[in-house]
Amino acid sequence: MSSPESAQTFAELFEINDLKAQVQEKDTVILKLKAKIKSFSGDVKERKVKRDVEEFETMNLELDHKVTKLAAENKHLKQTYKQLFDLIKSSRVQSKEHCDDLINKVNLKSVKVSDLIASLQEKVLVITALKEQLNKLKSKAILTDAVSLNLIDPALLQVDVASLVPKLRMNRTAHTDYIRHTQEEAATLREIVESERLLSPLNTSLAYACKYTRRIQELLIILQQTCPSITDLGTKLVAVTPKNKTK
């Protein structure tokens, strides 16, 4: 026979076992829930990683597209800059050649002008010498009734032709004034020569003077044609020819 204490002990034991069974059942449920949660967590992480990878791939494609576009634009810019550089280089070469050609032409023209000026200065010296000789001949001339002479203004015999100052040889205005003055001297010499030829038609020195006067005038014409910028020369050019020249 069992006592009341034993019955109570069995009842508590059964109750404890029942509680243990419930606890074990709950532990099982908890483990299942944890496993499920873990499974869900892995799926979420995998989906997130997959989504991130897709986003990175999309960004990478966009970057590749931008890089390709920039590379094409850069290539086009390089070609454009190369064409511009080649054009500028060619233009610089042509400009330099043109400038060199102009400089050479100017130098040649300057040499020609300098030579003409030097020749003119030599002719001026000849004119001066001839005038002195003509003045001497004039003082020895014999007047005859068969020859009618016009008196020459003594001022015409007062000539003052000097060499051009070296520092003015490249001055266009100085050249013009110098040539005009030389032409006036040639005209004066013409009058003297013609008068003296009337006095001494057989004088070979006067024929020589006529020759040099004509050469000086021809030189002035050549200078005018060579240097078009020097004007007002043609209006005073006169022809001088020897009269009754003996052979």
Protein backbone atom coordinates (compact mmCIF):
# COMPACT_ATOMS: atom_id res chain seq x y z
CA MET A 1 0.00 0.00 0.00
CA SER A 2 1.19 3.41 -0.85
CA SER A 3 1.16 6.27 1.50
CA PRO A 4 -0.07 9.77 0.63
CA GLU A 5 3.52 11.01 0.50
CA SER A 6 4.43 8.42 -2.10
CA ALA A 7 1.43 9.37 -4.19
CA GLN A 8 2.46 13.00 -4.01
CA THR A 9 6.00 12.12 -5.02
CA PHE A 10 4.80 10.18 -8.06
CA ALA A 11 2.51 13.04 -9.02
CA GLU A 12 5.36 15.52 -8.79
CA LEU A 13 7.59 13.18 -10.75
CA PHE A 14 5.03 12.86 -13.52
CA GLU A 15 4.56 16.60 -13.50
CA ILE A 16 8.32 17.15 -13.69
CA ASN A 17 8.63 14.68 -16.53
CA ASP A 18 5.79 16.38 -18.30
CA LEU A 19 7.47 19.74 -17.86
CA LYS A 20 10.73 18.28 -19.13
CA ALA A 21 8.92 16.93 -22.15
CA GLN A 22 7.39 20.32 -22.78
CA VAL A 23 10.75 22.00 -22.35
CA GLN A 24 12.37 19.52 -24.69
CA GLU A 25 9.60 20.08 -27.20
CA LYS A 26 10.08 23.83 -26.93
CA ASP A 27 13.84 23.40 -27.31
CA THR A 28 13.18 21.44 -30.47
CA VAL A 29 10.90 24.18 -31.73
CA ILE A 30 13.51 26.79 -30.83
CA LEU A 31 16.21 24.86 -32.69
CA LYS A 32 13.96 24.59 -35.73
CA LEU A 33 13.18 28.29 -35.53
CA LYS A 34 16.89 29.11 -35.24
CA ALA A 35 17.67 26.90 -38.21
CA LYS A 36 14.91 28.54 -40.20
CA ILE A 37 16.04 32.00 -39.16
CA LYS A 38 19.58 31.06 -40.12
CA SER A 39 18.34 29.83 -43.47
CA PHE A 40 16.41 33.05 -44.00
CA SER A 41 19.47 35.07 -42.98
CA GLY A 42 21.64 33.22 -45.51
CA ASP A 43 19.07 33.80 -48.27
CA VAL A 44 18.85 37.48 -47.43
CA LYS A 45 22.63 37.84 -47.45
CA GLU A 46 22.92 35.93 -50.72
CA ARG A 47 20.22 38.05 -52.33
CA LYS A 48 21.90 41.20 -51.07
CA VAL A 49 25.26 40.07 -52.41
CA LYS A 50 23.67 39.18 -55.73
CA ARG A 51 21.94 42.54 -55.90
CA ASP A 52 25.20 44.31 -55.07
CA VAL A 53 27.01 42.34 -57.76
CA GLU A 54 24.34 43.27 -60.30
CA GLU A 55 24.63 46.93 -59.32
CA PHE A 56 28.42 46.77 -59.62
CA GLU A 57 28.14 45.13 -63.04
CA THR A 58 25.71 47.81 -64.16
CA MET A 59 28.03 50.54 -62.92
CA ASN A 60 30.98 48.83 -64.59
CA LEU A 61 29.10 48.71 -67.91
CA GLU A 62 28.23 52.39 -67.60
CA LEU A 63 31.85 53.23 -66.81
CA ASP A 64 33.04 51.15 -69.78
CA HIS A 65 30.60 53.03 -72.00
CA LYS A 66 31.81 56.40 -70.69
CA VAL A 67 35.47 55.38 -71.09
CA THR A 68 34.81 54.24 -74.66
CA LYS A 69 33.02 57.50 -75.44
CA LEU A 70 35.82 59.58 -73.88
CA ALA A 71 38.45 57.58 -75.77
CA ALA A 72 36.64 58.29 -79.06
CA GLU A 73 36.38 62.00 -78.23
CA ASN A 74 40.04 62.08 -77.23
CA LYS A 75 41.04 60.43 -80.51
CA HIS A 76 38.99 62.98 -82.46
CA LEU A 77 40.56 65.85 -80.50
CA LYS A 78 44.05 64.47 -81.16
CA GLN A 79 43.33 64.31 -84.90
CA THR A 80 41.90 67.84 -84.87
CA TYR A 81 44.88 69.23 -82.94
CA LYS A 82 47.30 67.40 -85.24
CA GLN A 83 45.62 68.90 -88.31
CA LEU A 84 45.74 72.38 -86.75
CA PHE A 85 49.38 71.91 -85.78
CA ASP A 86 50.30 70.76 -89.30
CA LEU A 87 48.40 73.70 -90.78
CA ILE A 88 50.11 76.20 -88.46
CA LYS A 89 53.50 74.63 -89.14
CA SER A 90 52.93 74.80 -92.90
CA SER A 91 51.73 78.41 -92.64
CA ARG A 92 54.78 79.37 -90.59
CA VAL A 93 57.09 77.78 -93.16
CA GLN A 94 55.32 79.57 -96.02
CA SER A 95 55.35 82.86 -94.11
CA LYS A 96 59.06 82.50 -93.36
CA GLU A 97 59.83 81.71 -97.00
CA HIS A 98 57.76 84.70 -98.12
CA CYS A 99 59.48 86.99 -95.60
CA ASP A 100 62.92 85.72 -96.62
CA ASP A 101 62.05 86.32 -100.27
CA LEU A 102 60.86 89.85 -99.51
CA ILE A 103 63.99 90.56 -97.47
CA ASN A 104 66.19 89.32 -100.32
CA LYS A 105 64.30 91.50 -102.80
CA VAL A 106 64.62 94.54 -100.53
CA ASN A 107 68.34 93.88 -100.08
CA LEU A 108 68.84 93.55 -103.85
CA LYS A 109 66.86 96.73 -104.43
CA SER A 110 68.90 98.54 -101.79
CA VAL A 111 72.12 97.40 -103.45
CA LYS A 112 70.88 98.61 -106.84
CA VAL A 113 69.83 101.96 -105.39
CA SER A 114 73.18 102.32 -103.61
CA ASP A 115 75.01 101.53 -106.85
CA LEU A 116 72.91 104.06 -108.75
CA ILE A 117 73.50 106.71 -106.08
CA ALA A 118 77.25 106.03 -106.19
CA SER A 119 77.19 106.29 -109.98
CA LEU A 120 75.23 109.53 -109.75
CA GLN A 121 77.76 110.95 -107.34
CA GLU A 122 80.53 110.10 -109.79
CA LYS A 123 78.57 111.80 -112.55
CA VAL A 124 78.09 114.86 -110.35
CA LEU A 125 81.83 115.11 -109.95
CA VAL A 126 82.19 114.87 -113.73
CA ILE A 127 79.56 117.63 -114.14
CA THR A 128 81.47 119.87 -111.75
CA ALA A 129 84.74 119.29 -113.59
CA LEU A 130 83.06 119.92 -116.93
CA LYS A 131 81.53 123.16 -115.68
CA GLU A 132 84.92 124.37 -114.58
CA GLN A 133 86.36 123.48 -117.97
CA LEU A 134 83.46 125.18 -119.76
CA ASN A 135 83.92 128.31 -117.69
CA LYS A 136 87.57 128.41 -118.76
CA LEU A 137 86.56 127.91 -122.40
CA LYS A 138 83.92 130.60 -122.09
CA SER A 139 86.50 133.11 -120.90
CA LYS A 140 88.60 132.38 -124.02
CA ALA A 141 85.74 132.45 -126.56
CA ILE A 142 85.77 135.02 -129.38
CA LEU A 143 82.52 136.72 -130.27
CA THR A 144 81.80 137.17 -133.98
CA ASP A 145 79.14 139.14 -135.87
CA ALA A 146 77.90 135.93 -137.53
CA VAL A 147 76.88 134.39 -134.24
CA SER A 148 74.10 135.76 -132.10
CA LEU A 149 74.38 134.81 -128.46
CA ASN A 150 72.04 135.01 -125.51
CA LEU A 151 73.72 136.00 -122.30
CA ILE A 152 73.67 133.34 -119.58
CA ASP A 153 72.64 134.34 -116.13
CA PRO A 154 75.78 134.15 -113.94
CA ALA A 155 73.68 132.55 -111.21
CA LEU A 156 73.40 129.46 -113.42
CA LEU A 157 77.14 129.03 -113.20
CA GLN A 158 77.05 128.97 -109.41
CA VAL A 159 76.42 125.25 -108.89
CA ASP A 160 76.74 123.47 -105.62
CA VAL A 161 76.60 119.70 -106.06
CA ALA A 162 78.12 117.70 -103.22
CA SER A 163 78.18 113.99 -102.43
CA LEU A 164 75.25 112.66 -100.45
CA VAL A 165 75.98 112.30 -96.73
CA PRO A 166 76.46 108.57 -95.89
CA LYS A 167 73.79 108.58 -93.17
CA LEU A 168 71.22 109.85 -95.72
CA ARG A 169 71.92 107.27 -98.41
CA MET A 170 69.03 105.06 -97.26
CA ASN A 171 66.64 108.04 -96.90
CA ARG A 172 64.05 108.09 -99.70
CA THR A 173 63.33 111.83 -99.32
CA ALA A 174 67.06 112.62 -99.42
CA HIS A 175 67.38 110.50 -102.59
CA THR A 176 64.50 112.38 -104.25
CA ASP A 177 65.92 115.80 -103.38
CA TYR A 178 69.42 114.77 -104.41
CA ILE A 179 68.26 113.44 -107.80
CA ARG A 180 66.08 116.50 -108.44
CA HIS A 181 69.04 118.76 -107.65
CA THR A 182 71.25 116.71 -109.96
CA GLN A 183 68.68 117.03 -112.75
CA GLU A 184 68.61 120.80 -112.31
CA GLU A 185 72.39 120.86 -112.54
CA ALA A 186 72.21 118.79 -115.74
CA ALA A 187 69.74 121.29 -117.23
CA THR A 188 72.08 124.16 -116.31
CA LEU A 189 74.98 122.32 -117.90
CA ARG A 190 72.91 121.85 -121.06
CA GLU A 191 72.39 125.59 -121.39
CA ILE A 192 76.08 126.26 -120.89
CA VAL A 193 77.10 123.56 -123.37
CA GLU A 194 74.72 124.82 -126.06
CA SER A 195 75.95 128.38 -125.64
CA GLU A 196 79.57 127.32 -125.82
CA ARG A 197 78.89 125.14 -128.85
CA LEU A 198 77.65 128.24 -130.65
CA LEU A 199 80.92 129.93 -129.81
CA SER A 200 83.14 126.99 -130.75
CA PRO A 201 81.28 124.53 -133.01
CA LEU A 202 84.45 122.50 -133.65
CA ASN A 203 85.48 122.18 -130.02
CA THR A 204 85.81 118.47 -129.16
CA SER A 205 85.70 119.17 -125.42
CA LEU A 206 82.16 120.51 -125.78
CA ALA A 207 81.15 117.38 -127.70
CA TYR A 208 82.58 115.39 -124.78
CA ALA A 209 80.48 117.49 -122.38
CA CYS A 210 77.36 116.81 -124.46
CA LYS A 211 78.08 113.08 -124.28
CA TYR A 212 78.38 113.04 -120.48
CA THR A 213 75.31 115.24 -120.03
CA ARG A 214 73.27 112.78 -122.07
CA ARG A 215 74.64 109.82 -120.07
CA ILE A 216 73.70 111.52 -116.81
CA GLN A 217 70.14 112.07 -118.02
CA GLU A 218 69.90 108.41 -119.12
CA LEU A 219 71.10 107.35 -115.69
CA LEU A 220 68.39 109.46 -114.05
CA ILE A 221 65.75 107.80 -116.28
CA ILE A 222 67.04 104.34 -115.30
CA LEU A 223 66.90 105.30 -111.63
CA GLN A 224 63.31 106.52 -112.03
CA GLN A 225 62.26 103.23 -113.69
CA THR A 226 64.08 101.12 -111.11
CA CYS A 227 62.63 103.03 -108.14
CA PRO A 228 58.99 103.94 -109.00
CA SER A 229 58.61 105.56 -105.57
CA ILE A 230 60.93 108.39 -106.68
CA THR A 231 58.65 110.72 -108.66
CA ASP A 232 58.74 114.14 -110.35
CA LEU A 233 61.80 113.34 -112.44
CA GLY A 234 60.31 112.94 -115.92
CA THR A 235 58.96 116.51 -116.09
CA LYS A 236 62.47 118.00 -116.08
CA LEU A 237 64.28 115.52 -118.34
CA VAL A 238 65.71 117.16 -121.47
CA ALA A 239 67.53 115.72 -124.46
CA VAL A 240 71.09 116.86 -125.02
CA THR A 241 72.71 116.08 -128.36
CA PRO A 242 76.05 117.29 -129.70
CA LYS A 243 75.94 119.78 -132.56
CA ASN A 244 78.38 119.70 -135.47
CA LYS A 245 80.44 116.96 -133.83
CA THR A 246 83.63 116.29 -135.71
CA LYS A 247 84.80 112.74 -136.35
